[in-house]
Amino acid sequence: MNTVATATRTLPASSQRIAPEKFAHVVLKTANYDAVIAWYATVLQARVAFRNDFIAFLTYDDEHHRVAVINTPGSLASDPAAAGVHHIAYTYAGLGELLATYRRLKASGIEPARCINHGPTTSMYYRDPDGLRVELQIDNFATMDESHAYFTGPDFAENPIGVIFDPQQLIRDYEAGVSFEDLVKRPPLPPGKTPMDMREER
């Protein structure tokens, strides 16, 4: 088949900053194939776009897939001391959506290992069937300029980890009508605690 070029093209200059347009997906390998697929489908309220005995693709939006799971029977769990991915994170539209997701998952027997207000985000960390941490979060500031300012400010420099919170109490405060600003404002560390103490998980 012959084609006729209708115009020439010029590549962007090599000096131009070209960043990815978006983060597309993560790919997991597991010996717990059915359990991992079910867990991500439940937690993210995702649908299985394709599945066979080797691989499954899940999506929760208009992307063709956001999570892929490869069936690897006999594979070993990751060594917690090994270098690698610490966690993956998903951002929700608002605090109500995050808390409703917490309540839904808790009713299904899925509870977070740690709930922490990092300052820039309010976050809940879960562990999938293989132990990988999955963070569900919201942004605490209305704009990225405010978030960036917090990252470079003294509060974050003093405590870049955050402060643990009780999700049940946060729900009670939310339903009582406490202002969003007060709900997501990071409290001070508990007396006698350091930022490193806030890393403890259930």
Foldseek 3Di string as FASTA:
>chain_A
DDDDDDDDDDDPDPPDDDDDPDDAAEEEEDQPQVQQVVVCCLLLVWDWLDDDPAKTFTDDDPRSGHYMYGHDHPDDQDDPPDDDDQAEEDEDPDPVVVLVSQVSVVVVVWHFFFFFQQQQWGWTWGAGPSGHIYIYIYGLDPDVVVVVVVCPDDVCVQARQGETDDSVVLVVCVVVPPDSNVSRHTDDHPPPDGNVVRVGTD
